């Protein structure tokens, strides 16, 4: 009888150990792994976006919309001329995404670009993510009332040559300034001679040129169609591709990005119909 009782007690003890051992070996790891994964997905992320000044209004609006798509992502913008942004990136500024107002500044940071443009062999751009995002247009704008009666680029060229007007344009390291230089060259006008004659003023980015026109401190200025729209300027002419070429905005994730996956996701979002609707509302079009 004692032997039977001993065997029964031993069986009960083994069954109890087996029952306790099952959750320890399989259940516990499953219960801890799932929350860790969810927590990682919801970790706050700050993306630093360097963007041409002409994108200020649109990207600010898009950032608000993107909060509904990725609530854990905070977008921090640095808006300036593409040339200034390129220099800041080259000097080591923290940046996840670069949106330039021209190919030149992006090419200067891209090891896959023409060495004649990327003369320093810089390798900041994740070439696989690079895309032509937007197209803009270059416009000739005048202050309210158009006091000088400027009606077209042809008219502008004549009045500049005669020294009759004062025009605002971007600096030579600013894409809108480079497009303006092409327009002056098309008409055979010497920028240096015009500057010496006192008929040109400059802005360090397109917003400064826009402000000069809006305040009426100049007779006219050359800015993007999107900036003219945002500032409510009077547009008297729009440049054709023959005058200054196409105005393409490239965008890319940068190799030093601390959050490349989130950066790629935001870059993809910029091509969605929702984001494009914001861009198109001020005059951009998909490239």
C-alpha atoms as a PDB file:
ATOM      1  CA  UNK A   1       0.000   0.000   0.000  1.00  0.00           C
ATOM      2  CA  UNK A   2       2.840   2.391   0.865  1.00  0.00           C
ATOM      3  CA  UNK A   3       4.447   1.567  -2.485  1.00  0.00           C
ATOM      4  CA  UNK A   4       1.258   2.446  -4.366  1.00  0.00           C
ATOM      5  CA  UNK A   5       0.929   5.761  -2.505  1.00  0.00           C
ATOM      6  CA  UNK A   6       4.541   6.624  -3.261  1.00  0.00           C
ATOM      7  CA  UNK A   7       4.032   5.982  -6.959  1.00  0.00           C
ATOM      8  CA  UNK A   8       0.896   8.124  -7.009  1.00  0.00           C
ATOM      9  CA  UNK A   9       2.652  11.022  -5.266  1.00  0.00           C
ATOM     10  CA  UNK A  10       5.591  10.823  -7.655  1.00  0.00           C
ATOM     11  CA  UNK A  11       3.232  10.960 -10.639  1.00  0.00           C
ATOM     12  CA  UNK A  12       1.424  13.974  -9.276  1.00  0.00           C
ATOM     13  CA  UNK A  13       4.749  15.771  -8.658  1.00  0.00           C
ATOM     14  CA  UNK A  14       5.974  15.154 -12.202  1.00  0.00           C
ATOM     15  CA  UNK A  15       2.691  16.367 -13.644  1.00  0.00           C
ATOM     16  CA  UNK A  16       2.910  19.532 -11.600  1.00  0.00           C
ATOM     17  CA  UNK A  17       6.470  20.256 -12.774  1.00  0.00           C
ATOM     18  CA  UNK A  18       5.516  19.653 -16.370  1.00  0.00           C
ATOM     19  CA  UNK A  19       2.580  22.043 -16.104  1.00  0.00           C
ATOM     20  CA  UNK A  20       4.793  24.786 -14.605  1.00  0.00           C
ATOM     21  CA  UNK A  21       7.518  24.209 -17.164  1.00  0.00           C
ATOM     22  CA  UNK A  22       5.369  24.774 -20.252  1.00  0.00           C
ATOM     23  CA  UNK A  23       4.733  28.528 -19.814  1.00  0.00           C
ATOM     24  CA  UNK A  24       8.363  29.082 -18.824  1.00  0.00           C
ATOM     25  CA  UNK A  25       9.711  27.560 -22.033  1.00  0.00           C
ATOM     26  CA  UNK A  26       7.202  28.799 -24.625  1.00  0.00           C
ATOM     27  CA  UNK A  27       4.718  31.313 -23.241  1.00  0.00           C
ATOM     28  CA  UNK A  28       7.139  33.801 -21.624  1.00  0.00           C
ATOM     29  CA  UNK A  29       9.259  34.621 -24.703  1.00  0.00           C
ATOM     30  CA  UNK A  30       6.129  35.186 -26.810  1.00  0.00           C
ATOM     31  CA  UNK A  31       4.622  37.594 -24.286  1.00  0.00           C
ATOM     32  CA  UNK A  32       7.790  39.734 -24.077  1.00  0.00           C
ATOM     33  CA  UNK A  33       8.709  39.754 -27.798  1.00  0.00           C
ATOM     34  CA  UNK A  34       5.454  41.283 -29.075  1.00  0.00           C
ATOM     35  CA  UNK A  35       5.490  44.419 -26.888  1.00  0.00           C
ATOM     36  CA  UNK A  36       9.164  45.049 -27.728  1.00  0.00           C
ATOM     37  CA  UNK A  37       8.371  44.956 -31.439  1.00  0.00           C
ATOM     38  CA  UNK A  38       5.416  47.307 -31.071  1.00  0.00           C
ATOM     39  CA  UNK A  39       7.465  49.680 -28.953  1.00  0.00           C
ATOM     40  CA  UNK A  40      10.195  49.814 -31.598  1.00  0.00           C
ATOM     41  CA  UNK A  41       7.655  50.640 -34.301  1.00  0.00           C
ATOM     42  CA  UNK A  42       6.258  53.512 -32.251  1.00  0.00           C
ATOM     43  CA  UNK A  43       9.575  55.044 -31.245  1.00  0.00           C
ATOM     44  CA  UNK A  44       9.632  58.821 -31.865  1.00  0.00           C
ATOM     45  CA  UNK A  45      11.744  59.735 -34.890  1.00  0.00           C
ATOM     46  CA  UNK A  46      12.926  63.181 -35.953  1.00  0.00           C
ATOM     47  CA  UNK A  47      13.648  63.625 -39.653  1.00  0.00           C
ATOM     48  CA  UNK A  48      15.682  66.658 -40.654  1.00  0.00           C
ATOM     49  CA  UNK A  49      14.740  67.863 -44.122  1.00  0.00           C
ATOM     50  CA  UNK A  50      16.853  70.412 -46.013  1.00  0.00           C
ATOM     51  CA  UNK A  51      14.673  72.002 -48.688  1.00  0.00           C
ATOM     52  CA  UNK A  52      14.839  74.850 -51.174  1.00  0.00           C
ATOM     53  CA  UNK A  53      13.221  78.030 -49.864  1.00  0.00           C
ATOM     54  CA  UNK A  54      10.564  77.863 -52.579  1.00  0.00           C
ATOM     55  CA  UNK A  55       9.148  74.755 -50.856  1.00  0.00           C
ATOM     56  CA  UNK A  56       8.496  76.504 -47.545  1.00  0.00           C
ATOM     57  CA  UNK A  57       4.712  76.827 -47.706  1.00  0.00           C
ATOM     58  CA  UNK A  58       3.993  73.485 -49.341  1.00  0.00           C
ATOM     59  CA  UNK A  59       6.218  71.337 -47.140  1.00  0.00           C
ATOM     60  CA  UNK A  60       4.939  73.053 -44.001  1.00  0.00           C
ATOM     61  CA  UNK A  61       1.392  72.067 -45.001  1.00  0.00           C
ATOM     62  CA  UNK A  62       2.443  68.553 -46.013  1.00  0.00           C
ATOM     63  CA  UNK A  63       4.176  68.069 -42.657  1.00  0.00           C
ATOM     64  CA  UNK A  64       0.875  68.706 -40.883  1.00  0.00           C
ATOM     65  CA  UNK A  65      -0.861  66.165 -43.109  1.00  0.00           C
ATOM     66  CA  UNK A  66       1.909  63.600 -42.597  1.00  0.00           C
ATOM     67  CA  UNK A  67       1.225  63.561 -38.860  1.00  0.00           C
ATOM     68  CA  UNK A  68      -1.896  61.543 -39.665  1.00  0.00           C
ATOM     69  CA  UNK A  69       0.170  59.024 -41.640  1.00  0.00           C
ATOM     70  CA  UNK A  70       3.167  58.673 -39.299  1.00  0.00           C
ATOM     71  CA  UNK A  71       2.333  60.182 -35.889  1.00  0.00           C
ATOM     72  CA  UNK A  72       5.658  59.050 -34.441  1.00  0.00           C
ATOM     73  CA  UNK A  73       7.655  61.072 -37.016  1.00  0.00           C
ATOM     74  CA  UNK A  74       8.541  64.710 -36.402  1.00  0.00           C
ATOM     75  CA  UNK A  75       9.700  66.691 -39.424  1.00  0.00           C
ATOM     76  CA  UNK A  76      12.223  69.479 -38.855  1.00  0.00           C
ATOM     77  CA  UNK A  77      12.868  71.721 -41.856  1.00  0.00           C
ATOM     78  CA  UNK A  78      15.792  73.882 -42.873  1.00  0.00           C
ATOM     79  CA  UNK A  79      14.681  76.145 -45.735  1.00  0.00           C
ATOM     80  CA  UNK A  80      17.279  78.136 -47.676  1.00  0.00           C
ATOM     81  CA  UNK A  81      18.872  78.430 -51.085  1.00  0.00           C
ATOM     82  CA  UNK A  82      19.951  75.083 -52.510  1.00  0.00           C
ATOM     83  CA  UNK A  83      23.542  76.294 -52.706  1.00  0.00           C
ATOM     84  CA  UNK A  84      23.613  77.190 -49.011  1.00  0.00           C
ATOM     85  CA  UNK A  85      22.014  73.865 -48.073  1.00  0.00           C
ATOM     86  CA  UNK A  86      24.535  71.959 -50.183  1.00  0.00           C
ATOM     87  CA  UNK A  87      27.389  73.677 -48.360  1.00  0.00           C
ATOM     88  CA  UNK A  88      25.865  72.928 -44.949  1.00  0.00           C
ATOM     89  CA  UNK A  89      25.476  69.250 -45.842  1.00  0.00           C
ATOM     90  CA  UNK A  90      29.047  69.099 -47.120  1.00  0.00           C
ATOM     91  CA  UNK A  91      30.268  70.617 -43.852  1.00  0.00           C
ATOM     92  CA  UNK A  92      28.561  67.906 -41.805  1.00  0.00           C
ATOM     93  CA  UNK A  93      25.161  69.323 -40.876  1.00  0.00           C
ATOM     94  CA  UNK A  94      22.653  66.694 -39.726  1.00  0.00           C
ATOM     95  CA  UNK A  95      20.272  66.031 -42.618  1.00  0.00           C
ATOM     96  CA  UNK A  96      18.140  63.044 -43.612  1.00  0.00           C
ATOM     97  CA  UNK A  97      16.558  64.298 -46.861  1.00  0.00           C
ATOM     98  CA  UNK A  98      17.652  66.940 -49.366  1.00  0.00           C
ATOM     99  CA  UNK A  99      15.230  68.625 -51.788  1.00  0.00           C
ATOM    100  CA  UNK A 100      17.021  70.930 -54.211  1.00  0.00           C
ATOM    101  CA  UNK A 101      15.557  73.482 -56.611  1.00  0.00           C
ATOM    102  CA  UNK A 102      18.015  72.393 -59.306  1.00  0.00           C
ATOM    103  CA  UNK A 103      20.018  69.351 -60.359  1.00  0.00           C
ATOM    104  CA  UNK A 104      23.393  71.060 -59.903  1.00  0.00           C
ATOM    105  CA  UNK A 105      23.396  71.175 -56.106  1.00  0.00           C
ATOM    106  CA  UNK A 106      22.200  67.572 -55.841  1.00  0.00           C
ATOM    107  CA  UNK A 107      24.790  66.450 -58.391  1.00  0.00           C
ATOM    108  CA  UNK A 108      27.536  68.144 -56.388  1.00  0.00           C
ATOM    109  CA  UNK A 109      26.751  65.774 -53.490  1.00  0.00           C
ATOM    110  CA  UNK A 110      26.149  62.634 -55.569  1.00  0.00           C
ATOM    111  CA  UNK A 111      29.033  60.261 -56.311  1.00  0.00           C
ATOM    112  CA  UNK A 112      26.977  58.852 -59.184  1.00  0.00           C
ATOM    113  CA  UNK A 113      26.766  62.230 -60.928  1.00  0.00           C
ATOM    114  CA  UNK A 114      29.009  63.612 -63.643  1.00  0.00           C
ATOM    115  CA  UNK A 115      32.508  64.227 -62.172  1.00  0.00           C
ATOM    116  CA  UNK A 116      32.554  67.492 -64.113  1.00  0.00           C
ATOM    117  CA  UNK A 117      29.805  68.693 -61.744  1.00  0.00           C
ATOM    118  CA  UNK A 118      30.748  66.752 -58.607  1.00  0.00           C
ATOM    119  CA  UNK A 119      34.289  68.044 -58.814  1.00  0.00           C
ATOM    120  CA  UNK A 120      35.099  67.206 -55.182  1.00  0.00           C
ATOM    121  CA  UNK A 121      33.981  63.581 -55.399  1.00  0.00           C
ATOM    122  CA  UNK A 122      31.405  64.032 -52.621  1.00  0.00           C
ATOM    123  CA  UNK A 123      29.333  60.976 -51.694  1.00  0.00           C
ATOM    124  CA  UNK A 124      26.361  62.083 -49.581  1.00  0.00           C
ATOM    125  CA  UNK A 125      23.403  61.034 -51.739  1.00  0.00           C
ATOM    126  CA  UNK A 126      21.795  57.588 -51.510  1.00  0.00           C
ATOM    127  CA  UNK A 127      21.580  57.313 -55.275  1.00  0.00           C
ATOM    128  CA  UNK A 128      18.968  54.538 -55.161  1.00  0.00           C
ATOM    129  CA  UNK A 129      16.502  56.952 -53.534  1.00  0.00           C
ATOM    130  CA  UNK A 130      17.159  59.931 -55.800  1.00  0.00           C
ATOM    131  CA  UNK A 131      14.240  61.038 -57.928  1.00  0.00           C
ATOM    132  CA  UNK A 132      12.993  64.026 -59.893  1.00  0.00           C
ATOM    133  CA  UNK A 133      10.096  65.082 -57.693  1.00  0.00           C
ATOM    134  CA  UNK A 134       8.674  68.359 -59.009  1.00  0.00           C
ATOM    135  CA  UNK A 135       8.749  70.831 -61.860  1.00  0.00           C
ATOM    136  CA  UNK A 136       8.421  74.582 -61.360  1.00  0.00           C
ATOM    137  CA  UNK A 137       8.409  77.581 -63.707  1.00  0.00           C
ATOM    138  CA  UNK A 138      10.386  80.820 -63.759  1.00  0.00           C
ATOM    139  CA  UNK A 139       8.317  83.989 -63.885  1.00  0.00           C
ATOM    140  CA  UNK A 140       8.806  87.713 -64.334  1.00  0.00           C
ATOM    141  CA  UNK A 141       6.905  89.565 -61.618  1.00  0.00           C
ATOM    142  CA  UNK A 142       6.183  93.207 -60.867  1.00  0.00           C
ATOM    143  CA  UNK A 143       4.932  95.142 -57.827  1.00  0.00           C
ATOM    144  CA  UNK A 144       1.267  96.013 -57.485  1.00  0.00           C
ATOM    145  CA  UNK A 145       0.164  98.346 -60.257  1.00  0.00           C
ATOM    146  CA  UNK A 146       3.272  97.628 -62.377  1.00  0.00           C
ATOM    147  CA  UNK A 147       4.538 101.268 -62.187  1.00  0.00           C
ATOM    148  CA  UNK A 148       7.219 100.712 -64.844  1.00  0.00           C
ATOM    149  CA  UNK A 149       4.840  99.087 -67.307  1.00  0.00           C
ATOM    150  CA  UNK A 150       6.956  95.956 -67.861  1.00  0.00           C
ATOM    151  CA  UNK A 151       5.040  93.505 -70.022  1.00  0.00           C
ATOM    152  CA  UNK A 152       7.347  90.615 -70.962  1.00  0.00           C
ATOM    153  CA  UNK A 153      10.874  89.227 -70.873  1.00  0.00           C
ATOM    154  CA  UNK A 154      11.506  90.939 -74.217  1.00  0.00           C
ATOM    155  CA  UNK A 155      10.423  94.216 -72.668  1.00  0.00           C
ATOM    156  CA  UNK A 156      12.569  93.522 -69.610  1.00  0.00           C
ATOM    157  CA  UNK A 157      15.669  93.031 -71.770  1.00  0.00           C
ATOM    158  CA  UNK A 158      15.114  96.329 -73.569  1.00  0.00           C
ATOM    159  CA  UNK A 159      14.563  98.295 -70.361  1.00  0.00           C
ATOM    160  CA  UNK A 160      17.580  96.718 -68.626  1.00  0.00           C
ATOM    161  CA  UNK A 161      19.815  97.526 -71.581  1.00  0.00           C
ATOM    162  CA  UNK A 162      18.588 101.121 -71.494  1.00  0.00           C
ATOM    163  CA  UNK A 163      19.138 101.359 -67.741  1.00  0.00           C
ATOM    164  CA  UNK A 164      15.514 102.343 -67.177  1.00  0.00           C
ATOM    165  CA  UNK A 165      14.558  99.860 -64.446  1.00  0.00           C
ATOM    166  CA  UNK A 166      15.811  98.092 -61.319  1.00  0.00           C
ATOM    167  CA  UNK A 167      15.475  94.292 -61.273  1.00  0.00           C
ATOM    168  CA  UNK A 168      15.866  91.825 -58.392  1.00  0.00           C
ATOM    169  CA  UNK A 169      17.415  88.411 -58.966  1.00  0.00           C
ATOM    170  CA  UNK A 170      18.953  85.578 -56.957  1.00  0.00           C
ATOM    171  CA  UNK A 171      22.673  85.292 -56.264  1.00  0.00           C
ATOM    172  CA  UNK A 172      24.774  83.153 -58.569  1.00  0.00           C
ATOM    173  CA  UNK A 173      24.792  80.241 -56.081  1.00  0.00           C
ATOM    174  CA  UNK A 174      20.980  80.236 -55.895  1.00  0.00           C
ATOM    175  CA  UNK A 175      19.119  78.158 -58.528  1.00  0.00           C
ATOM    176  CA  UNK A 176      16.625  80.933 -59.332  1.00  0.00           C
ATOM    177  CA  UNK A 177      19.630  83.219 -59.849  1.00  0.00           C
ATOM    178  CA  UNK A 178      21.204  80.676 -62.169  1.00  0.00           C
ATOM    179  CA  UNK A 179      18.007  80.431 -64.205  1.00  0.00           C
ATOM    180  CA  UNK A 180      17.950  84.242 -64.380  1.00  0.00           C
ATOM    181  CA  UNK A 181      21.533  84.267 -65.625  1.00  0.00           C
ATOM    182  CA  UNK A 182      20.469  81.983 -68.474  1.00  0.00           C
ATOM    183  CA  UNK A 183      17.702  84.431 -69.383  1.00  0.00           C
ATOM    184  CA  UNK A 184      20.137  87.360 -69.398  1.00  0.00           C
ATOM    185  CA  UNK A 185      22.537  85.338 -71.541  1.00  0.00           C
ATOM    186  CA  UNK A 186      19.720  84.480 -73.955  1.00  0.00           C
ATOM    187  CA  UNK A 187      19.230  88.196 -74.576  1.00  0.00           C
ATOM    188  CA  UNK A 188      22.952  88.861 -74.839  1.00  0.00           C
ATOM    189  CA  UNK A 189      23.013  90.919 -71.644  1.00  0.00           C
ATOM    190  CA  UNK A 190      26.185  91.119 -69.551  1.00  0.00           C
ATOM    191  CA  UNK A 191      25.244  90.604 -65.912  1.00  0.00           C
ATOM    192  CA  UNK A 192      28.426  92.203 -64.566  1.00  0.00           C
ATOM    193  CA  UNK A 193      27.894  95.294 -66.701  1.00  0.00           C
ATOM    194  CA  UNK A 194      24.268  95.535 -65.576  1.00  0.00           C
ATOM    195  CA  UNK A 195      25.315  95.217 -61.925  1.00  0.00           C
ATOM    196  CA  UNK A 196      27.932  97.932 -62.398  1.00  0.00           C
ATOM    197  CA  UNK A 197      25.268 100.132 -63.971  1.00  0.00           C
ATOM    198  CA  UNK A 198      23.160  99.742 -60.838  1.00  0.00           C
ATOM    199  CA  UNK A 199      20.138  98.120 -62.458  1.00  0.00           C
ATOM    200  CA  UNK A 200      20.349  94.810 -60.547  1.00  0.00           C
ATOM    201  CA  UNK A 201      19.817  93.919 -56.917  1.00  0.00           C
ATOM    202  CA  UNK A 202      20.325  90.465 -55.417  1.00  0.00           C
ATOM    203  CA  UNK A 203      18.753  88.104 -52.912  1.00  0.00           C
ATOM    204  CA  UNK A 204      20.428  85.225 -51.085  1.00  0.00           C
ATOM    205  CA  UNK A 205      17.377  83.048 -51.801  1.00  0.00           C
ATOM    206  CA  UNK A 206      14.149  83.279 -53.770  1.00  0.00           C
ATOM    207  CA  UNK A 207      12.179  84.521 -50.759  1.00  0.00           C
ATOM    208  CA  UNK A 208      14.374  87.620 -50.521  1.00  0.00           C
ATOM    209  CA  UNK A 209      13.778  88.385 -54.190  1.00  0.00           C
ATOM    210  CA  UNK A 210      10.044  87.855 -53.686  1.00  0.00           C
ATOM    211  CA  UNK A 211      10.038  90.286 -50.757  1.00  0.00           C
ATOM    212  CA  UNK A 212      11.781  93.003 -52.777  1.00  0.00           C
ATOM    213  CA  UNK A 213       9.101  92.744 -55.465  1.00  0.00           C
ATOM    214  CA  UNK A 214       6.207  92.650 -52.988  1.00  0.00           C
ATOM    215  CA  UNK A 215       7.522  95.707 -51.141  1.00  0.00           C
ATOM    216  CA  UNK A 216       7.965  97.647 -54.389  1.00  0.00           C
ATOM    217  CA  UNK A 217      11.637  98.367 -53.757  1.00  0.00           C
ATOM    218  CA  UNK A 218      12.373  97.193 -57.323  1.00  0.00           C
ATOM    219  CA  UNK A 219      10.576  97.537 -60.639  1.00  0.00           C
ATOM    220  CA  UNK A 220      10.509  93.796 -61.232  1.00  0.00           C
ATOM    221  CA  UNK A 221      12.124  90.523 -60.289  1.00  0.00           C
ATOM    222  CA  UNK A 222      12.489  86.933 -61.436  1.00  0.00           C
ATOM    223  CA  UNK A 223      11.125  84.244 -59.115  1.00  0.00           C
ATOM    224  CA  UNK A 224       9.425  80.870 -59.327  1.00  0.00           C
ATOM    225  CA  UNK A 225       5.756  80.648 -60.236  1.00  0.00           C
ATOM    226  CA  UNK A 226       5.087  78.998 -56.869  1.00  0.00           C
ATOM    227  CA  UNK A 227       6.604  81.886 -54.913  1.00  0.00           C
ATOM    228  CA  UNK A 228       4.668  84.375 -57.017  1.00  0.00           C
ATOM    229  CA  UNK A 229       1.493  82.468 -56.215  1.00  0.00           C
ATOM    230  CA  UNK A 230       2.193  82.223 -52.476  1.00  0.00           C
ATOM    231  CA  UNK A 231       3.053  85.937 -52.238  1.00  0.00           C
ATOM    232  CA  UNK A 232       0.219  87.112 -54.486  1.00  0.00           C
ATOM    233  CA  UNK A 233       2.582  88.791 -56.958  1.00  0.00           C
ATOM    234  CA  UNK A 234       1.605  90.004 -60.421  1.00  0.00           C
ATOM    235  CA  UNK A 235       3.114  87.751 -63.090  1.00  0.00           C
ATOM    236  CA  UNK A 236       3.671  89.418 -66.460  1.00  0.00           C
ATOM    237  CA  UNK A 237       5.538  86.617 -68.244  1.00  0.00           C
ATOM    238  CA  UNK A 238       6.610  82.997 -67.793  1.00  0.00           C
ATOM    239  CA  UNK A 239       9.926  81.714 -69.115  1.00  0.00           C
ATOM    240  CA  UNK A 240       9.965  78.908 -71.648  1.00  0.00           C
ATOM    241  CA  UNK A 241      12.455  76.044 -71.571  1.00  0.00           C
ATOM    242  CA  UNK A 242      14.304  77.814 -74.403  1.00  0.00           C
ATOM    243  CA  UNK A 243      14.951  80.772 -72.117  1.00  0.00           C
ATOM    244  CA  UNK A 244      16.256  78.992 -69.034  1.00  0.00           C
ATOM    245  CA  UNK A 245      15.749  75.232 -69.319  1.00  0.00           C
ATOM    246  CA  UNK A 246      13.419  73.054 -67.266  1.00  0.00           C
ATOM    247  CA  UNK A 247      13.137  73.774 -63.548  1.00  0.00           C
ATOM    248  CA  UNK A 248      13.338  70.321 -61.963  1.00  0.00           C
ATOM    249  CA  UNK A 249      13.484  69.672 -58.218  1.00  0.00           C
ATOM    250  CA  UNK A 250      15.387  66.472 -57.350  1.00  0.00           C
ATOM    251  CA  UNK A 251      15.038  64.832 -53.939  1.00  0.00           C
ATOM    252  CA  UNK A 252      16.997  62.099 -52.162  1.00  0.00           C
ATOM    253  CA  UNK A 253      17.743  60.471 -48.834  1.00  0.00           C
ATOM    254  CA  UNK A 254      21.282  61.169 -47.686  1.00  0.00           C
ATOM    255  CA  UNK A 255      23.677  58.378 -46.761  1.00  0.00           C
ATOM    256  CA  UNK A 256      24.495  59.788 -43.282  1.00  0.00           C
ATOM    257  CA  UNK A 257      20.794  59.659 -42.322  1.00  0.00           C
ATOM    258  CA  UNK A 258      20.215  58.114 -38.901  1.00  0.00           C
ATOM    259  CA  UNK A 259      16.697  57.053 -39.979  1.00  0.00           C
ATOM    260  CA  UNK A 260      16.944  55.876 -43.605  1.00  0.00           C
ATOM    261  CA  UNK A 261      13.749  53.776 -43.561  1.00  0.00           C
ATOM    262  CA  UNK A 262      11.604  56.593 -42.200  1.00  0.00           C
ATOM    263  CA  UNK A 263      13.301  59.036 -44.586  1.00  0.00           C
ATOM    264  CA  UNK A 264      12.468  56.823 -47.572  1.00  0.00           C
ATOM    265  CA  UNK A 265       8.877  56.508 -46.372  1.00  0.00           C
ATOM    266  CA  UNK A 266       8.461  60.291 -46.220  1.00  0.00           C
ATOM    267  CA  UNK A 267      10.110  60.716 -49.618  1.00  0.00           C
ATOM    268  CA  UNK A 268       7.642  58.173 -51.036  1.00  0.00           C
ATOM    269  CA  UNK A 269       4.770  60.071 -49.427  1.00  0.00           C
ATOM    270  CA  UNK A 270       5.782  63.242 -51.288  1.00  0.00           C
ATOM    271  CA  UNK A 271       4.818  61.533 -54.548  1.00  0.00           C
ATOM    272  CA  UNK A 272       1.353  60.476 -53.361  1.00  0.00           C
ATOM    273  CA  UNK A 273      -1.787  62.160 -54.730  1.00  0.00           C
ATOM    274  CA  UNK A 274      -2.398  63.758 -51.312  1.00  0.00           C
ATOM    275  CA  UNK A 275       1.003  65.465 -51.244  1.00  0.00           C
ATOM    276  CA  UNK A 276       0.934  66.338 -54.941  1.00  0.00           C
ATOM    277  CA  UNK A 277      -2.387  68.120 -54.450  1.00  0.00           C
ATOM    278  CA  UNK A 278      -0.642  70.511 -52.034  1.00  0.00           C
ATOM    279  CA  UNK A 279       2.232  71.092 -54.464  1.00  0.00           C
ATOM    280  CA  UNK A 280      -0.080  71.611 -57.433  1.00  0.00           C
ATOM    281  CA  UNK A 281      -2.220  74.138 -55.548  1.00  0.00           C
ATOM    282  CA  UNK A 282       0.625  76.685 -55.757  1.00  0.00           C
ATOM    283  CA  UNK A 283       1.815  75.855 -59.262  1.00  0.00           C
ATOM    284  CA  UNK A 284       4.152  72.875 -58.991  1.00  0.00           C
ATOM    285  CA  UNK A 285       3.645  69.850 -61.194  1.00  0.00           C
ATOM    286  CA  UNK A 286       4.979  66.305 -60.956  1.00  0.00           C
ATOM    287  CA  UNK A 287       8.314  66.007 -62.743  1.00  0.00           C
END
